[in-house]
Structure formats: structure tokens, C-alpha cells
PDB file of N, CA and C in Angstrom:
ATOM      1  N   UNK A   1       0.944  -1.181  -0.001  1.00  0.00           N
ATOM      2  CA  UNK A   1       0.011  -0.020  -0.062  1.00  0.00           C
ATOM      3  C   UNK A   1       0.850   1.542  -0.089  1.00  0.00           C
ATOM      4  N   UNK A   2       0.586   2.166  -0.808  1.00  0.00           N
ATOM      5  CA  UNK A   2       1.269   3.399  -0.849  1.00  0.00           C
ATOM      6  C   UNK A   2       1.004   3.876   0.120  1.00  0.00           C
ATOM      7  N   UNK A   3       2.018   5.221   0.824  1.00  0.00           N
ATOM      8  CA  UNK A   3       1.750   5.897   1.602  1.00  0.00           C
ATOM      9  C   UNK A   3       0.986   6.742   1.458  1.00  0.00           C
ATOM     10  N   UNK A   4       0.796   7.427   0.586  1.00  0.00           N
ATOM     11  CA  UNK A   4      -0.761   8.650  -0.178  1.00  0.00           C
ATOM     12  C   UNK A   4      -1.852   7.804   0.550  1.00  0.00           C
ATOM     13  N   UNK A   5      -2.072   6.338   0.275  1.00  0.00           N
ATOM     14  CA  UNK A   5      -3.302   5.585  -0.104  1.00  0.00           C
ATOM     15  C   UNK A   5      -3.512   5.107   1.480  1.00  0.00           C
ATOM     16  N   UNK A   6      -2.209   5.002   2.620  1.00  0.00           N
ATOM     17  CA  UNK A   6      -2.277   4.878   3.800  1.00  0.00           C
ATOM     18  C   UNK A   6      -2.905   6.022   4.455  1.00  0.00           C
ATOM     19  N   UNK A   7      -2.301   7.373   3.840  1.00  0.00           N
ATOM     20  CA  UNK A   7      -2.562   8.498   4.632  1.00  0.00           C
ATOM     21  C   UNK A   7      -4.346   9.016   4.719  1.00  0.00           C
ATOM     22  N   UNK A   8      -4.512   8.589   3.135  1.00  0.00           N
ATOM     23  CA  UNK A   8      -5.942   9.039   3.270  1.00  0.00           C
ATOM     24  C   UNK A   8      -6.941   7.861   3.664  1.00  0.00           C
ATOM     25  N   UNK A   9      -6.282   6.724   4.059  1.00  0.00           N
ATOM     26  CA  UNK A   9      -7.572   5.697   4.907  1.00  0.00           C
ATOM     27  C   UNK A   9      -7.142   6.077   6.312  1.00  0.00           C
ATOM     28  N   UNK A  10      -5.901   6.549   6.672  1.00  0.00           N
ATOM     29  CA  UNK A  10      -5.970   6.762   8.055  1.00  0.00           C
ATOM     30  C   UNK A  10      -6.920   8.095   8.576  1.00  0.00           C
ATOM     31  N   UNK A  11      -6.927   9.033   7.457  1.00  0.00           N
ATOM     32  CA  UNK A  11      -7.604  10.119   7.841  1.00  0.00           C
ATOM     33  C   UNK A  11      -9.119   9.796   8.047  1.00  0.00           C
ATOM     34  N   UNK A  12      -9.560   8.641   6.640  1.00  0.00           N
ATOM     35  CA  UNK A  12     -10.750   8.735   6.580  1.00  0.00           C
ATOM     36  C   UNK A  12     -11.339   7.865   8.084  1.00  0.00           C
ATOM     37  N   UNK A  13     -10.710   6.896   8.359  1.00  0.00           N
ATOM     38  CA  UNK A  13     -10.491   6.305   9.891  1.00  0.00           C
ATOM     39  C   UNK A  13     -10.661   7.137  11.237  1.00  0.00           C
ATOM     40  N   UNK A  14      -9.874   8.323  10.886  1.00  0.00           N
ATOM     41  CA  UNK A  14      -9.988   9.124  12.375  1.00  0.00           C
ATOM     42  C   UNK A  14     -11.420  10.016  11.822  1.00  0.00           C
ATOM     43  N   UNK A  15     -11.711  10.565  10.858  1.00  0.00           N
ATOM     44  CA  UNK A  15     -13.093  10.743  10.634  1.00  0.00           C
ATOM     45  C   UNK A  15     -14.344   9.998  11.160  1.00  0.00           C
ATOM     46  N   UNK A  16     -13.972   8.633  11.013  1.00  0.00           N
ATOM     47  CA  UNK A  16     -15.064   7.705  11.674  1.00  0.00           C
ATOM     48  C   UNK A  16     -15.046   7.894  13.168  1.00  0.00           C
ATOM     49  N   UNK A  17     -13.748   7.449  13.699  1.00  0.00           N
ATOM     50  CA  UNK A  17     -13.872   7.826  14.868  1.00  0.00           C
ATOM     51  C   UNK A  17     -14.605   8.799  15.956  1.00  0.00           C
ATOM     52  N   UNK A  18     -13.884   9.906  15.187  1.00  0.00           N
ATOM     53  CA  UNK A  18     -14.952  11.043  15.598  1.00  0.00           C
ATOM     54  C   UNK A  18     -16.111  11.448  15.641  1.00  0.00           C
ATOM     55  N   UNK A  19     -16.683  10.515  14.674  1.00  0.00           N
ATOM     56  CA  UNK A  19     -18.406  10.475  14.405  1.00  0.00           C
ATOM     57  C   UNK A  19     -18.650   9.917  15.652  1.00  0.00           C
ATOM     58  N   UNK A  20     -18.054   8.368  15.868  1.00  0.00           N
ATOM     59  CA  UNK A  20     -18.792   7.390  16.564  1.00  0.00           C
ATOM     60  C   UNK A  20     -18.257   8.161  18.196  1.00  0.00           C
ATOM     61  N   UNK A  21     -17.270   9.047  18.364  1.00  0.00           N
ATOM     62  CA  UNK A  21     -17.314   9.709  19.479  1.00  0.00           C
ATOM     63  C   UNK A  21     -18.518  10.372  20.131  1.00  0.00           C
ATOM     64  N   UNK A  22     -18.622  11.589  18.977  1.00  0.00           N
ATOM     65  CA  UNK A  22     -19.884  12.397  18.963  1.00  0.00           C
ATOM     66  C   UNK A  22     -20.963  11.892  19.326  1.00  0.00           C
ATOM     67  N   UNK A  23     -21.443  10.190  18.413  1.00  0.00           N
ATOM     68  CA  UNK A  23     -22.383   9.407  18.900  1.00  0.00           C
ATOM     69  C   UNK A  23     -22.630   9.381  20.325  1.00  0.00           C
ATOM     70  N   UNK A  24     -21.223   8.764  20.563  1.00  0.00           N
ATOM     71  CA  UNK A  24     -21.471   8.376  22.428  1.00  0.00           C
ATOM     72  C   UNK A  24     -21.856   9.674  23.035  1.00  0.00           C
ATOM     73  N   UNK A  25     -21.677  10.955  22.511  1.00  0.00           N
ATOM     74  CA  UNK A  25     -21.649  12.204  23.241  1.00  0.00           C
ATOM     75  C   UNK A  25     -23.569  12.161  23.439  1.00  0.00           C
ATOM     76  N   UNK A  26     -23.558  12.164  22.515  1.00  0.00           N
ATOM     77  CA  UNK A  26     -24.989  12.316  21.954  1.00  0.00           C
ATOM     78  C   UNK A  26     -26.309  11.326  22.640  1.00  0.00           C
ATOM     79  N   UNK A  27     -25.347  10.117  23.287  1.00  0.00           N
ATOM     80  CA  UNK A  27     -26.595   8.993  24.070  1.00  0.00           C
ATOM     81  C   UNK A  27     -27.002   9.737  25.365  1.00  0.00           C
ATOM     82  N   UNK A  28     -28.312  10.129  25.619  1.00  0.00           N
ATOM     83  CA  UNK A  28     -29.047  10.808  27.008  1.00  0.00           C
ATOM     84  C   UNK A  28     -28.168   9.885  28.044  1.00  0.00           C
ATOM     85  N   UNK A  29     -28.074  10.620  29.118  1.00  0.00           N
ATOM     86  CA  UNK A  29     -27.533   9.971  30.710  1.00  0.00           C
ATOM     87  C   UNK A  29     -28.553  10.240  31.100  1.00  0.00           C
ATOM     88  N   UNK A  30     -28.296   9.431  32.626  1.00  0.00           N
ATOM     89  CA  UNK A  30     -29.356   9.415  33.689  1.00  0.00           C
ATOM     90  C   UNK A  30     -29.421  10.545  34.188  1.00  0.00           C
ATOM     91  N   UNK A  31     -30.790  11.147  34.526  1.00  0.00           N
ATOM     92  CA  UNK A  31     -30.731  12.392  35.340  1.00  0.00           C
ATOM     93  C   UNK A  31     -29.811  12.044  36.664  1.00  0.00           C
ATOM     94  N   UNK A  32     -29.383  13.399  37.197  1.00  0.00           N
ATOM     95  CA  UNK A  32     -28.719  13.330  38.249  1.00  0.00           C
ATOM     96  C   UNK A  32     -29.270  12.389  39.529  1.00  0.00           C
ATOM     97  N   UNK A  33     -31.057  13.062  39.728  1.00  0.00           N
ATOM     98  CA  UNK A  33     -31.868  12.289  40.494  1.00  0.00           C
ATOM     99  C   UNK A  33     -31.835  10.856  40.622  1.00  0.00           C
ATOM    100  N   UNK A  34     -31.822  10.123  39.221  1.00  0.00           N
ATOM    101  CA  UNK A  34     -31.943   8.950  38.959  1.00  0.00           C
ATOM    102  C   UNK A  34     -30.305   8.132  39.059  1.00  0.00           C
ATOM    103  N   UNK A  35     -29.213   9.054  38.917  1.00  0.00           N
ATOM    104  CA  UNK A  35     -28.137   8.417  39.558  1.00  0.00           C
ATOM    105  C   UNK A  35     -28.372   8.457  41.017  1.00  0.00           C
ATOM    106  N   UNK A  36     -28.698   9.589  41.525  1.00  0.00           N
ATOM    107  CA  UNK A  36     -28.469   9.360  43.207  1.00  0.00           C
ATOM    108  C   UNK A  36     -29.509   8.208  43.732  1.00  0.00           C
ATOM    109  N   UNK A  37     -30.457   7.946  43.048  1.00  0.00           N
ATOM    110  CA  UNK A  37     -31.324   6.715  43.411  1.00  0.00           C
ATOM    111  C   UNK A  37     -30.571   5.259  43.167  1.00  0.00           C
ATOM    112  N   UNK A  38     -29.740   5.533  42.766  1.00  0.00           N
ATOM    113  CA  UNK A  38     -28.755   4.083  42.712  1.00  0.00           C
ATOM    114  C   UNK A  38     -28.455   3.270  44.101  1.00  0.00           C
ATOM    115  N   UNK A  39     -29.055   2.192  44.048  1.00  0.00           N
ATOM    116  CA  UNK A  39     -28.670   1.487  45.269  1.00  0.00           C
ATOM    117  C   UNK A  39     -27.586   1.179  45.623  1.00  0.00           C
ATOM    118  N   UNK A  40     -26.702   0.364  44.643  1.00  0.00           N
ATOM    119  CA  UNK A  40     -25.015   0.285  44.636  1.00  0.00           C
ATOM    120  C   UNK A  40     -24.531   1.583  44.392  1.00  0.00           C
ATOM    121  N   UNK A  41     -23.541   2.064  45.106  1.00  0.00           N
ATOM    122  CA  UNK A  41     -23.164   3.101  45.063  1.00  0.00           C
ATOM    123  C   UNK A  41     -21.630   2.963  44.257  1.00  0.00           C
ATOM    124  N   UNK A  42     -21.382   1.479  44.008  1.00  0.00           N
ATOM    125  CA  UNK A  42     -20.169   1.183  43.880  1.00  0.00           C
ATOM    126  C   UNK A  42     -19.739   1.023  42.457  1.00  0.00           C
ATOM    127  N   UNK A  43     -21.132   0.893  41.734  1.00  0.00           N
ATOM    128  CA  UNK A  43     -21.356   0.593  40.582  1.00  0.00           C
ATOM    129  C   UNK A  43     -22.083   1.600  40.432  1.00  0.00           C
ATOM    130  N   UNK A  44     -21.605   3.201  39.506  1.00  0.00           N
ATOM    131  CA  UNK A  44     -22.475   3.967  39.342  1.00  0.00           C
ATOM    132  C   UNK A  44     -22.625   3.698  38.135  1.00  0.00           C
ATOM    133  N   UNK A  45     -23.975   3.773  37.417  1.00  0.00           N
ATOM    134  CA  UNK A  45     -24.501   3.954  36.164  1.00  0.00           C
ATOM    135  C   UNK A  45     -24.785   5.131  35.780  1.00  0.00           C
ATOM    136  N   UNK A  46     -24.279   5.420  34.462  1.00  0.00           N
ATOM    137  CA  UNK A  46     -24.865   6.674  33.879  1.00  0.00           C
ATOM    138  C   UNK A  46     -25.965   6.487  32.949  1.00  0.00           C
ATOM    139  N   UNK A  47     -25.981   5.197  31.988  1.00  0.00           N
ATOM    140  CA  UNK A  47     -27.004   5.257  31.121  1.00  0.00           C
ATOM    141  C   UNK A  47     -28.029   4.110  31.752  1.00  0.00           C
ATOM    142  N   UNK A  48     -29.110   4.672  30.905  1.00  0.00           N
ATOM    143  CA  UNK A  48     -30.288   3.238  30.933  1.00  0.00           C
ATOM    144  C   UNK A  48     -29.690   1.864  30.423  1.00  0.00           C
ATOM    145  N   UNK A  49     -30.661   1.048  30.276  1.00  0.00           N
ATOM    146  CA  UNK A  49     -29.701  -0.321  29.956  1.00  0.00           C
ATOM    147  C   UNK A  49     -29.984  -0.259  28.477  1.00  0.00           C
ATOM    148  N   UNK A  50     -30.746   0.131  27.966  1.00  0.00           N
ATOM    149  CA  UNK A  50     -30.309   0.412  26.465  1.00  0.00           C
ATOM    150  C   UNK A  50     -29.781   1.266  25.865  1.00  0.00           C
ATOM    151  N   UNK A  51     -29.378   2.353  26.817  1.00  0.00           N
ATOM    152  CA  UNK A  51     -28.236   3.389  26.143  1.00  0.00           C
ATOM    153  C   UNK A  51     -27.269   3.207  26.713  1.00  0.00           C
ATOM    154  N   UNK A  52     -27.148   1.967  27.635  1.00  0.00           N
ATOM    155  CA  UNK A  52     -25.475   1.656  27.813  1.00  0.00           C
ATOM    156  C   UNK A  52     -25.379   0.681  26.748  1.00  0.00           C
ATOM    157  N   UNK A  53     -26.082  -0.204  26.210  1.00  0.00           N
ATOM    158  CA  UNK A  53     -25.947  -1.304  25.159  1.00  0.00           C
ATOM    159  C   UNK A  53     -25.411  -0.411  23.906  1.00  0.00           C
ATOM    160  N   UNK A  54     -25.907   0.770  23.525  1.00  0.00           N
ATOM    161  CA  UNK A  54     -25.674   1.626  22.898  1.00  0.00           C
ATOM    162  C   UNK A  54     -24.053   2.273  22.689  1.00  0.00           C
ATOM    163  N   UNK A  55     -23.978   2.161  24.089  1.00  0.00           N
ATOM    164  CA  UNK A  55     -22.622   2.992  24.259  1.00  0.00           C
ATOM    165  C   UNK A  55     -21.534   1.836  24.319  1.00  0.00           C
ATOM    166  N   UNK A  56     -22.194   0.869  24.627  1.00  0.00           N
ATOM    167  CA  UNK A  56     -21.089  -0.207  24.593  1.00  0.00           C
ATOM    168  C   UNK A  56     -20.628  -0.679  23.172  1.00  0.00           C
ATOM    169  N   UNK A  57     -22.018  -0.887  22.313  1.00  0.00           N
ATOM    170  CA  UNK A  57     -21.879  -1.147  20.775  1.00  0.00           C
ATOM    171  C   UNK A  57     -20.820   0.039  20.296  1.00  0.00           C
ATOM    172  N   UNK A  58     -21.273   1.224  20.338  1.00  0.00           N
ATOM    173  CA  UNK A  58     -20.172   2.545  19.983  1.00  0.00           C
ATOM    174  C   UNK A  58     -18.804   2.235  20.331  1.00  0.00           C
ATOM    175  N   UNK A  59     -18.391   1.965  21.632  1.00  0.00           N
ATOM    176  CA  UNK A  59     -17.001   1.902  22.217  1.00  0.00           C
ATOM    177  C   UNK A  59     -16.448   0.389  21.157  1.00  0.00           C
ATOM    178  N   UNK A  60     -17.311  -0.505  21.083  1.00  0.00           N
ATOM    179  CA  UNK A  60     -16.592  -1.711  20.333  1.00  0.00           C
ATOM    180  C   UNK A  60     -16.232  -1.221  18.883  1.00  0.00           C
ATOM    181  N   UNK A  61     -17.384  -0.349  18.530  1.00  0.00           N
ATOM    182  CA  UNK A  61     -16.694   0.572  17.113  1.00  0.00           C
ATOM    183  C   UNK A  61     -15.334   1.264  17.033  1.00  0.00           C
ATOM    184  N   UNK A  62     -15.246   1.923  18.503  1.00  0.00           N
ATOM    185  CA  UNK A  62     -13.761   2.583  18.502  1.00  0.00           C
ATOM    186  C   UNK A  62     -12.750   1.379  18.307  1.00  0.00           C
ATOM    187  N   UNK A  63     -13.022   0.676  19.241  1.00  0.00           N
ATOM    188  CA  UNK A  63     -11.955  -0.064  19.338  1.00  0.00           C
ATOM    189  C   UNK A  63     -11.282  -0.840  17.815  1.00  0.00           C
ATOM    190  N   UNK A  64     -12.627  -1.335  17.132  1.00  0.00           N
ATOM    191  CA  UNK A  64     -12.392  -1.694  15.520  1.00  0.00           C
ATOM    192  C   UNK A  64     -11.411  -0.606  15.053  1.00  0.00           C
ATOM    193  N   UNK A  65     -11.941   0.548  14.955  1.00  0.00           N
ATOM    194  CA  UNK A  65     -11.381   1.461  14.130  1.00  0.00           C
ATOM    195  C   UNK A  65      -9.883   1.709  14.218  1.00  0.00           C
ATOM    196  N   UNK A  66      -9.570   1.748  15.815  1.00  0.00           N
ATOM    197  CA  UNK A  66      -8.114   1.690  16.434  1.00  0.00           C
ATOM    198  C   UNK A  66      -7.222   0.848  15.906  1.00  0.00           C
ATOM    199  N   UNK A  67      -8.033  -0.421  15.639  1.00  0.00           N
ATOM    200  CA  UNK A  67      -7.165  -1.593  15.530  1.00  0.00           C
ATOM    201  C   UNK A  67      -6.717  -1.562  13.861  1.00  0.00           C
ATOM    202  N   UNK A  68      -7.793  -0.801  12.963  1.00  0.00           N
ATOM    203  CA  UNK A  68      -7.619  -0.555  11.650  1.00  0.00           C
ATOM    204  C   UNK A  68      -6.372   0.258  11.690  1.00  0.00           C
ATOM    205  N   UNK A  69      -6.828   1.267  12.141  1.00  0.00           N
ATOM    206  CA  UNK A  69      -5.604   2.651  12.094  1.00  0.00           C
ATOM    207  C   UNK A  69      -4.167   1.764  12.648  1.00  0.00           C
ATOM    208  N   UNK A  70      -4.298   1.054  13.911  1.00  0.00           N
ATOM    209  CA  UNK A  70      -2.618   0.885  13.870  1.00  0.00           C
ATOM    210  C   UNK A  70      -2.076  -0.046  12.669  1.00  0.00           C
ATOM    211  N   UNK A  71      -3.332  -0.858  12.518  1.00  0.00           N
ATOM    212  CA  UNK A  71      -2.462  -1.831  11.382  1.00  0.00           C
ATOM    213  C   UNK A  71      -2.044  -1.404  10.016  1.00  0.00           C
ATOM    214  N   UNK A  72      -2.808  -0.414   9.676  1.00  0.00           N
ATOM    215  CA  UNK A  72      -2.145   0.953   8.390  1.00  0.00           C
ATOM    216  C   UNK A  72      -0.933   1.360   8.836  1.00  0.00           C
ATOM    217  N   UNK A  73      -0.484   1.663  10.255  1.00  0.00           N
ATOM    218  CA  UNK A  73       0.311   2.580  10.569  1.00  0.00           C
ATOM    219  C   UNK A  73       1.788   1.093  10.394  1.00  0.00           C
ATOM    220  N   UNK A  74       1.249   0.126  10.774  1.00  0.00           N
ATOM    221  CA  UNK A  74       2.517  -0.730  10.622  1.00  0.00           C
ATOM    222  C   UNK A  74       2.381  -1.714   9.710  1.00  0.00           C
ATOM    223  N   UNK A  75       1.453  -1.141   8.273  1.00  0.00           N
ATOM    224  CA  UNK A  75       1.937  -2.059   7.274  1.00  0.00           C
ATOM    225  C   UNK A  75       3.012  -1.650   6.567  1.00  0.00           C
ATOM    226  N   UNK A  76       3.813  -2.415   5.904  1.00  0.00           N
ATOM    227  CA  UNK A  76       5.349  -2.086   5.192  1.00  0.00           C
ATOM    228  C   UNK A  76       4.918  -2.218   3.686  1.00  0.00           C
TER     229      UNK A  76
END
């Protein structure tokens, strides 16, 4: 793979990464009142069950993008 092609692919991946980070930021969190009502304070939940699943999926996407970007950097 040529260096210019690697650079374009890397830039594309970083754009995707930023989009996924923005999607995570847009997922609604529990209100402070809901957070305070949690019984187990050692495990603080920031999201509802459904939203936590969405955030987890987004985080898996971030890991996949990071892995692809690293592979591009180390490809000879």
C-alpha cells in the first residue's frame, strides 16, 4: 500500500472515530436524580440499560477503528 493511500485511509478512519465519539456524547445519560437513586454506589450507572448497550456498541466500534488504524501504520 502506498504512503498516500495509507494516509487517506488513516484520515478516513479518524473521521469515523470522531463521528462515533460524537454519537457516544449524544446518548442521553440518566438524570442526577436517577443516578442518586441507585442502590449500589460502587457501580455508578450513567445510562439506562438500553443506552448502555448503545454506548457499549459504539465503544466496540472505536476499538475496531483503532485496530484498523494501527494496522495501517505498521503495514510495510
